[in-house]
Amino acid sequence: MQKSSHLRKLVFIALLTAQGIVLGLLEQAIPFPFAFAPGAELGLANIVTLISLYTLSFKEVVFVIAMKTLLTTVLGGTFSTFLYSGMGALVSFIGMYLVKQLGEKRVSMIGVSATGGILHNVGQLMVASWMAKSWTVLLYLPAMSIVGIFAGIAVGVAANYALAHIKVLQYFSKK
């Protein structure tokens, strides 16, 4: 990779990370009106995760997710926020990465995102179960899964639109 190309990629990674942090902090400031699923969020910062997943290498995506999670927590969270966000991001990323490997003919970005939406909730409920020292917290999973599916679809549509309409992203596309 040429020096200017490498620099462009680093700037792209930094911009994605910064956008993820801003979206994460913005979402923390906006109450989400799902009374049947308290704690549910749309997951706007996952737009960045999806764009990263479709434009960067595995290691680079892990870096973006780790930095986004860590810095969002430092700027507007607590240690428990870090545990919930970190586990949700980890489980979600692993699932999205594996589902994406099925190929674009079998599953779209929206399907990958919906998978991530569900699995993010699974990761967070695993932490909640551990903290509460009770597996009964997982009874909350069906309600959270419904929200996760719809949020994942919305995030997937937004990321798909962004990926198709922003020329700078095509520069890094692996196609």
Protein backbone atom coordinates (compact mmCIF):
# COMPACT_ATOMS: atom_id res chain seq x y z
CA MET A 1 0.00 0.00 0.00
CA GLN A 2 1.39 3.39 -0.94
CA LYS A 3 2.08 5.98 1.74
CA SER A 4 -0.79 8.31 0.73
CA SER A 5 -3.17 5.36 0.41
CA HIS A 6 -2.17 4.16 3.88
CA LEU A 7 -2.68 7.65 5.29
CA ARG A 8 -6.12 7.88 3.66
CA LYS A 9 -7.09 4.58 5.23
CA LEU A 10 -5.94 5.74 8.68
CA VAL A 11 -7.94 8.95 8.29
CA PHE A 12 -10.96 6.91 7.16
CA ILE A 13 -10.65 4.66 10.23
CA ALA A 14 -10.31 7.71 12.50
CA LEU A 15 -13.37 9.34 10.93
CA LEU A 16 -15.45 6.19 11.30
CA THR A 17 -14.39 5.89 14.94
CA ALA A 18 -15.21 9.55 15.62
CA GLN A 19 -18.59 9.23 13.92
CA GLY A 20 -19.36 6.14 16.00
CA ILE A 21 -18.47 8.00 19.19
CA VAL A 22 -20.63 11.00 18.28
CA LEU A 23 -23.58 8.78 17.34
CA GLY A 24 -23.18 6.77 20.55
CA LEU A 25 -23.10 9.89 22.73
CA LEU A 26 -26.02 11.41 20.84
CA GLU A 27 -28.07 8.29 21.36
CA GLN A 28 -27.31 8.27 25.09
CA ALA A 29 -28.79 11.76 25.29
CA ILE A 30 -32.05 10.82 23.53
CA PRO A 31 -34.61 8.75 25.45
CA PHE A 32 -35.93 5.81 23.44
CA PRO A 33 -39.71 5.38 23.75
CA PHE A 34 -40.04 1.60 24.08
CA ALA A 35 -41.95 1.14 27.34
CA PHE A 36 -42.18 -2.64 26.85
CA ALA A 37 -38.37 -2.89 26.50
CA PRO A 38 -36.65 -0.45 28.87
CA GLY A 39 -33.01 0.09 27.99
CA ALA A 40 -33.62 -0.61 24.29
CA GLU A 41 -31.92 1.70 21.83
CA LEU A 42 -31.86 2.13 18.09
CA GLY A 43 -28.10 1.55 17.92
CA LEU A 44 -27.20 4.39 15.58
CA ALA A 45 -23.47 3.88 16.21
CA ASN A 46 -23.85 0.45 14.62
CA ILE A 47 -24.17 2.21 11.26
CA VAL A 48 -20.44 2.82 11.62
CA THR A 49 -19.84 -0.81 12.59
CA LEU A 50 -21.63 -2.01 9.46
CA ILE A 51 -19.82 0.41 7.18
CA SER A 52 -16.54 -0.76 8.76
CA LEU A 53 -17.49 -4.40 8.30
CA TYR A 54 -18.08 -3.84 4.59
CA THR A 55 -15.05 -1.62 3.89
CA LEU A 56 -12.24 -2.61 6.26
CA SER A 57 -10.24 -5.69 7.20
CA PHE A 58 -11.17 -7.83 10.21
CA LYS A 59 -8.45 -6.26 12.41
CA GLU A 60 -9.42 -2.74 11.39
CA VAL A 61 -13.09 -3.37 12.21
CA VAL A 62 -12.13 -4.75 15.62
CA PHE A 63 -10.03 -1.62 16.20
CA VAL A 64 -12.91 0.72 15.23
CA ILE A 65 -15.36 -1.15 17.49
CA ALA A 66 -12.94 -1.26 20.43
CA MET A 67 -12.05 2.42 20.19
CA LYS A 68 -15.68 3.46 19.67
CA THR A 69 -16.79 1.47 22.73
CA LEU A 70 -13.93 2.58 24.95
CA LEU A 71 -14.03 6.28 24.05
CA THR A 72 -17.82 6.50 24.18
CA THR A 73 -17.66 5.05 27.69
CA VAL A 74 -14.86 7.41 28.76
CA LEU A 75 -16.76 10.43 27.42
CA GLY A 76 -20.22 9.56 28.68
CA GLY A 77 -20.50 6.33 30.59
CA THR A 78 -19.58 4.21 33.56
CA PHE A 79 -17.79 0.92 34.07
CA SER A 80 -21.09 -0.96 33.86
CA THR A 81 -21.85 0.90 30.62
CA PHE A 82 -18.52 -0.37 29.31
CA LEU A 83 -19.37 -3.95 30.31
CA TYR A 84 -22.80 -3.83 28.67
CA SER A 85 -21.62 -2.04 25.53
CA GLY A 86 -18.46 -4.09 25.23
CA MET A 87 -20.14 -7.47 25.51
CA GLY A 88 -22.98 -6.38 23.23
CA ALA A 89 -20.50 -5.12 20.65
CA LEU A 90 -18.37 -8.27 20.87
CA VAL A 91 -21.21 -10.77 20.51
CA SER A 92 -22.85 -8.63 17.83
CA PHE A 93 -19.66 -8.26 15.80
CA ILE A 94 -18.85 -11.99 15.90
CA GLY A 95 -22.36 -12.82 14.72
CA MET A 96 -22.42 -10.17 12.00
CA TYR A 97 -18.98 -11.21 10.76
CA LEU A 98 -20.03 -14.87 10.54
CA VAL A 99 -23.36 -14.13 8.84
CA LYS A 100 -21.64 -11.79 6.36
CA GLN A 101 -19.39 -14.71 5.38
CA LEU A 102 -22.46 -16.42 3.88
CA GLY A 103 -22.17 -13.96 1.00
CA GLU A 104 -24.23 -11.13 -0.45
CA LYS A 105 -26.36 -13.58 -2.48
CA ARG A 106 -27.58 -15.26 0.72
CA VAL A 107 -27.85 -12.37 3.17
CA SER A 108 -27.99 -8.63 2.67
CA MET A 109 -26.43 -5.92 4.80
CA ILE A 110 -29.87 -5.47 6.36
CA GLY A 111 -29.91 -9.14 7.38
CA VAL A 112 -26.40 -8.84 8.80
CA SER A 113 -27.52 -5.77 10.74
CA ALA A 114 -30.66 -7.47 12.10
CA THR A 115 -28.45 -10.32 13.30
CA GLY A 116 -26.25 -7.77 15.03
CA GLY A 117 -29.27 -6.09 16.62
CA ILE A 118 -30.44 -9.33 18.20
CA LEU A 119 -26.98 -10.47 19.28
CA HIS A 120 -26.13 -7.10 20.80
CA ASN A 121 -29.07 -7.64 23.16
CA VAL A 122 -27.91 -11.21 23.87
CA GLY A 123 -24.49 -9.89 24.90
CA GLN A 124 -25.99 -7.21 27.12
CA LEU A 125 -28.37 -9.67 28.78
CA MET A 126 -25.45 -12.01 29.44
CA VAL A 127 -23.78 -9.20 31.39
CA ALA A 128 -27.05 -8.41 33.18
CA SER A 129 -27.43 -12.08 34.13
CA TRP A 130 -23.89 -12.18 35.44
CA MET A 131 -24.35 -8.96 37.43
CA ALA A 132 -27.70 -10.06 38.85
CA LYS A 133 -26.37 -13.58 39.47
CA SER A 134 -29.54 -14.93 37.89
CA TRP A 135 -30.38 -16.36 34.48
CA THR A 136 -33.97 -15.13 34.81
CA VAL A 137 -32.83 -11.85 33.25
CA LEU A 138 -32.74 -13.76 29.95
CA LEU A 139 -36.55 -13.93 30.07
CA TYR A 140 -36.30 -10.36 28.80
CA LEU A 141 -34.73 -11.62 25.55
CA PRO A 142 -37.94 -12.03 23.49
CA ALA A 143 -38.95 -8.39 24.01
CA MET A 144 -35.40 -7.20 23.38
CA SER A 145 -35.15 -9.38 20.27
CA ILE A 146 -38.18 -7.73 18.72
CA VAL A 147 -36.64 -4.31 19.28
CA GLY A 148 -33.26 -5.64 18.09
CA ILE A 149 -34.71 -6.91 14.81
CA PHE A 150 -36.46 -3.64 13.99
CA ALA A 151 -33.51 -1.52 15.12
CA GLY A 152 -31.17 -3.75 13.12
CA ILE A 153 -33.32 -3.33 10.01
CA ALA A 154 -33.37 0.46 10.42
CA VAL A 155 -29.60 0.60 10.99
CA GLY A 156 -29.02 -1.76 8.06
CA VAL A 157 -31.09 0.39 5.72
CA ALA A 158 -29.19 3.52 6.82
CA ALA A 159 -25.78 1.86 6.46
CA ASN A 160 -26.72 0.36 3.09
CA TYR A 161 -27.81 3.79 1.87
CA ALA A 162 -24.61 5.42 3.14
CA LEU A 163 -22.40 2.77 1.61
CA ALA A 164 -24.10 3.10 -1.77
CA HIS A 165 -24.13 6.91 -1.84
CA ILE A 166 -20.87 8.12 -0.35
CA LYS A 167 -18.06 8.01 -2.91
CA VAL A 168 -15.21 8.05 -0.40
CA LEU A 169 -16.39 4.71 0.95
CA GLN A 170 -16.03 3.13 -2.50
CA TYR A 171 -12.31 3.96 -2.38
CA PHE A 172 -11.86 1.41 0.40
CA SER A 173 -14.38 -1.15 -0.78
CA LYS A 174 -12.98 -4.69 -0.98
CA LYS A 175 -14.99 -5.48 -4.15
